[in-house]
Amino acid sequence: MTPTSAASQRHLIPDAANANPLCGDFLPLRTCVQILSGDNGVNAVHEVPPGVKENVWFFVNRMGNRSIFSGDKFWDDCGAWSKRHGTKSWHLPDSLAEVRLMTDGLYGMRGKVEGLTLKRLDPQPSSVLCVHRMYTRLAVDNEYQRRITYIDNVDCFIAEYLGEFPKLRKTHGNASKSCTEYTRTRPDLLADLAATCAATRDSPLTIYNQKDL
């Protein structure tokens, strides 16, 4: 029997479920805010579904992607991500006009007024959306991109995947005895392992090997 080639293995992986299509680029800000505000009727999934993700987005519950060790994990099965950068911006809820957080804790807007680059808003807005956008590229293929978008005090996030899913993925950079593809451990599994370790004092590896994964 002829072994399955690495190129053909890509086509054996099913597409991820509950995917919503992208149209050649990441979603615009207004669409992201509408989704995160629950105004478009999309139901959130517990985690980013496994499988091929090409030019699609998902609406995901943040609570299922938290770790007791370091907060949000934004788990997926794509492998190791690299070249991370992010933005943080503040917007008025209705117009989504961008405002700036000034050094005195008040909000202002760009503009030249009496030599100042920021004009303090008067009155101050009663509410402001703090929008976080995190961009990463897959280590094995920098053309494959992911963007995570979330708003402070909203329990969901948007995960967008742009580009063609790579045919091959990398092993973990610290792996010395394994040549299998690297996939991050789910945050809920990490939390379960930590709780079981504390209760039984068994090693994490022992507990992990006992689980039916």
Protein backbone atom coordinates (compact mmCIF):
# COMPACT_ATOMS: atom_id res chain seq x y z
CA MET A 1 0.00 0.00 0.00
CA THR A 2 1.38 3.42 -0.95
CA PRO A 3 1.73 5.75 2.09
CA THR A 4 -0.48 8.80 2.08
CA SER A 5 1.55 11.84 0.98
CA ALA A 6 1.77 14.95 3.13
CA ALA A 7 0.10 16.97 0.37
CA SER A 8 -2.89 14.65 0.17
CA GLN A 9 -3.29 14.47 3.96
CA ARG A 10 -4.53 18.07 3.89
CA HIS A 11 -7.57 16.96 1.91
CA LEU A 12 -8.38 14.24 4.44
CA ILE A 13 -8.87 16.80 7.22
CA PRO A 14 -12.53 17.91 7.41
CA ASP A 15 -13.49 21.57 7.35
CA ALA A 16 -14.17 23.17 10.73
CA ALA A 17 -17.83 23.26 11.70
CA ASN A 18 -19.85 26.42 12.44
CA ALA A 19 -17.65 28.54 10.16
CA ASN A 20 -18.79 31.88 8.74
CA PRO A 21 -17.19 33.06 5.46
CA LEU A 22 -14.80 35.98 5.07
CA CYS A 23 -14.75 37.99 1.85
CA GLY A 24 -11.03 38.26 1.20
CA ASP A 25 -10.15 40.32 4.29
CA PHE A 26 -10.76 40.58 8.01
CA LEU A 27 -14.16 41.84 9.16
CA PRO A 28 -14.61 45.63 9.42
CA LEU A 29 -14.82 47.15 12.90
CA ARG A 30 -18.55 47.87 12.76
CA THR A 31 -19.34 44.26 11.85
CA CYS A 32 -17.15 43.00 14.69
CA VAL A 33 -18.92 45.27 17.19
CA GLN A 34 -22.34 44.13 15.94
CA ILE A 35 -21.35 40.47 16.33
CA LEU A 36 -19.83 40.96 19.78
CA SER A 37 -22.87 42.96 20.89
CA GLY A 38 -25.14 40.06 19.88
CA ASP A 39 -26.93 42.12 17.24
CA ASN A 40 -26.60 39.71 14.31
CA GLY A 41 -28.10 36.50 15.73
CA VAL A 42 -24.93 34.38 15.61
CA ASN A 43 -24.68 31.85 18.44
CA ALA A 44 -21.31 31.53 20.18
CA VAL A 45 -19.47 28.20 20.14
CA HIS A 46 -17.57 26.83 23.16
CA GLU A 47 -14.22 26.84 21.34
CA VAL A 48 -12.79 27.30 17.86
CA PRO A 49 -13.80 24.03 16.13
CA PRO A 50 -11.01 21.71 14.96
CA GLY A 51 -10.46 21.19 11.27
CA VAL A 52 -9.50 23.20 8.21
CA LYS A 53 -10.13 26.94 8.56
CA GLU A 54 -9.72 28.93 5.35
CA ASN A 55 -11.09 32.48 5.04
CA VAL A 56 -13.65 31.99 7.80
CA TRP A 57 -14.55 33.45 11.19
CA PHE A 58 -16.02 32.08 14.43
CA PHE A 59 -17.92 33.65 17.34
CA VAL A 60 -16.48 32.01 20.47
CA ASN A 61 -17.25 32.04 24.18
CA ARG A 62 -14.24 33.43 26.08
CA MET A 63 -15.11 31.49 29.24
CA GLY A 64 -14.24 28.20 27.55
CA ASN A 65 -10.85 29.58 26.51
CA ARG A 66 -9.51 30.76 29.85
CA SER A 67 -6.67 29.21 31.83
CA ILE A 68 -6.18 29.45 35.57
CA PHE A 69 -2.53 30.21 34.77
CA SER A 70 -2.69 33.18 32.41
CA GLY A 71 -6.24 34.15 31.51
CA ASP A 72 -7.35 34.04 27.87
CA LYS A 73 -5.72 31.36 25.72
CA PHE A 74 -7.70 31.64 22.43
CA TRP A 75 -7.16 27.95 21.76
CA ASP A 76 -7.22 26.37 18.31
CA ASP A 77 -5.70 23.30 16.64
CA CYS A 78 -3.67 25.15 13.97
CA GLY A 79 -0.25 24.77 15.57
CA ALA A 80 2.37 27.30 16.68
CA TRP A 81 1.65 30.97 15.95
CA SER A 82 4.35 33.63 15.56
CA LYS A 83 4.84 37.31 14.65
CA ARG A 84 2.28 38.55 17.14
CA HIS A 85 1.16 42.14 17.37
CA GLY A 86 -1.99 43.83 18.56
CA THR A 87 -3.93 47.06 18.83
CA LYS A 88 -6.12 48.55 21.54
CA SER A 89 -8.55 51.33 20.68
CA TRP A 90 -11.49 53.16 22.28
CA HIS A 91 -14.70 53.96 20.41
CA LEU A 92 -18.02 55.69 21.03
CA PRO A 93 -20.73 52.97 21.02
CA ASP A 94 -23.05 54.40 18.35
CA SER A 95 -20.82 56.16 15.83
CA LEU A 96 -17.71 54.05 16.59
CA ALA A 97 -15.71 57.26 16.31
CA GLU A 98 -12.29 56.65 17.83
CA VAL A 99 -11.45 58.49 21.03
CA ARG A 100 -8.20 58.61 22.97
CA LEU A 101 -7.59 57.88 26.62
CA MET A 102 -5.71 60.89 27.98
CA THR A 103 -3.12 60.88 30.73
CA ASP A 104 -5.66 62.24 33.24
CA GLY A 105 -8.00 59.28 32.58
CA LEU A 106 -10.48 61.33 30.54
CA TYR A 107 -11.32 60.86 26.86
CA GLY A 108 -10.40 63.16 24.01
CA MET A 109 -10.42 63.28 20.23
CA ARG A 110 -7.71 64.17 17.74
CA GLY A 111 -7.69 67.72 16.48
CA LYS A 112 -5.73 70.93 16.62
CA VAL A 113 -7.22 73.18 19.28
CA GLU A 114 -5.06 75.96 20.72
CA GLY A 115 -1.94 73.99 19.84
CA LEU A 116 -3.10 70.76 21.46
CA THR A 117 -3.22 67.49 19.52
CA LEU A 118 -6.07 66.14 21.66
CA LYS A 119 -9.27 67.91 22.59
CA ARG A 120 -10.92 66.74 25.80
CA LEU A 121 -14.53 65.69 25.22
CA ASP A 122 -17.07 67.78 27.11
CA PRO A 123 -19.26 66.24 28.25
CA GLN A 124 -17.39 62.98 28.74
CA PRO A 125 -19.02 59.91 27.15
CA SER A 126 -21.07 57.76 29.53
CA SER A 127 -19.68 54.59 27.95
CA VAL A 128 -16.79 53.70 25.67
CA LEU A 129 -15.95 50.44 23.89
CA CYS A 130 -12.39 49.22 24.43
CA VAL A 131 -11.61 47.04 21.40
CA HIS A 132 -8.64 44.65 21.32
CA ARG A 133 -7.34 43.15 18.06
CA MET A 134 -4.55 40.57 18.09
CA TYR A 135 -2.82 39.54 14.85
CA THR A 136 -0.67 36.42 14.40
CA ARG A 137 0.83 34.41 11.54
CA LEU A 138 1.34 30.66 11.52
CA ALA A 139 4.97 29.71 12.19
CA VAL A 140 5.08 27.17 9.35
CA ASP A 141 3.39 29.48 6.82
CA ASN A 142 3.41 33.25 7.36
CA GLU A 143 0.79 33.75 4.65
CA TYR A 144 -1.80 32.09 6.91
CA GLN A 145 -3.12 34.67 9.38
CA ARG A 146 -5.36 34.79 12.42
CA ARG A 147 -6.99 37.76 14.10
CA ILE A 148 -8.66 37.71 17.51
CA THR A 149 -11.07 40.56 18.32
CA TYR A 150 -12.70 41.15 21.67
CA ILE A 151 -14.23 43.99 23.70
CA ASP A 152 -13.64 44.56 27.40
CA ASN A 153 -16.45 43.15 29.58
CA VAL A 154 -17.88 41.05 26.73
CA ASP A 155 -17.72 37.28 27.29
CA CYS A 156 -17.12 36.32 23.65
CA PHE A 157 -14.50 36.91 20.97
CA ILE A 158 -14.18 36.63 17.19
CA ALA A 159 -11.51 34.41 15.66
CA GLU A 160 -10.79 35.04 11.97
CA TYR A 161 -8.58 32.90 9.72
CA LEU A 162 -7.31 34.36 6.48
CA GLY A 163 -5.51 32.39 3.77
CA GLU A 164 -5.00 28.78 2.71
CA PHE A 165 -4.57 26.23 5.48
CA PRO A 166 -0.98 24.86 5.24
CA LYS A 167 -0.38 21.29 4.17
CA LEU A 168 2.30 20.69 6.81
CA ARG A 169 2.62 21.86 10.40
CA LYS A 170 5.58 22.04 12.76
CA THR A 171 6.52 20.08 15.84
CA HIS A 172 6.91 22.03 19.07
CA GLY A 173 10.15 24.02 19.21
CA ASN A 174 11.18 22.26 22.45
CA ALA A 175 10.22 18.76 21.31
CA SER A 176 13.09 16.26 21.44
CA LYS A 177 11.31 12.90 21.38
CA SER A 178 8.23 13.59 19.26
CA CYS A 179 7.83 14.33 15.57
CA THR A 180 4.04 14.77 15.66
CA GLU A 181 2.42 18.05 14.75
CA TYR A 182 2.19 20.57 17.58
CA THR A 183 -1.27 21.46 18.92
CA ARG A 184 -1.77 23.58 22.03
CA THR A 185 -3.42 21.92 25.02
CA ARG A 186 -6.97 23.12 25.66
CA PRO A 187 -7.27 25.60 28.57
CA ASP A 188 -10.04 23.57 30.24
CA LEU A 189 -7.80 20.48 30.17
CA LEU A 190 -4.95 22.44 31.78
CA ALA A 191 -7.29 23.58 34.53
CA ASP A 192 -8.52 20.01 35.06
CA LEU A 193 -4.95 18.70 35.25
CA ALA A 194 -4.01 21.34 37.81
CA ALA A 195 -7.03 20.53 39.99
CA THR A 196 -6.34 16.78 39.81
CA CYS A 197 -2.65 17.31 40.65
CA ALA A 198 -3.60 19.30 43.72
CA ALA A 199 -6.08 16.64 44.85
CA THR A 200 -3.99 13.51 44.16
CA ARG A 201 -0.37 14.75 44.06
CA ASP A 202 0.18 12.60 40.97
CA SER A 203 2.43 14.03 38.26
CA PRO A 204 0.78 15.94 35.39
CA LEU A 205 2.10 13.39 32.88
CA THR A 206 0.59 10.49 34.86
CA ILE A 207 -2.79 12.19 35.03
CA TYR A 208 -2.67 13.20 31.35
CA ASN A 209 -1.92 9.62 30.26
CA GLN A 210 -4.86 8.33 32.32
CA LYS A 211 -7.35 10.58 30.57
CA ASP A 212 -9.37 9.36 27.62
CA LEU A 213 -8.44 12.07 25.10
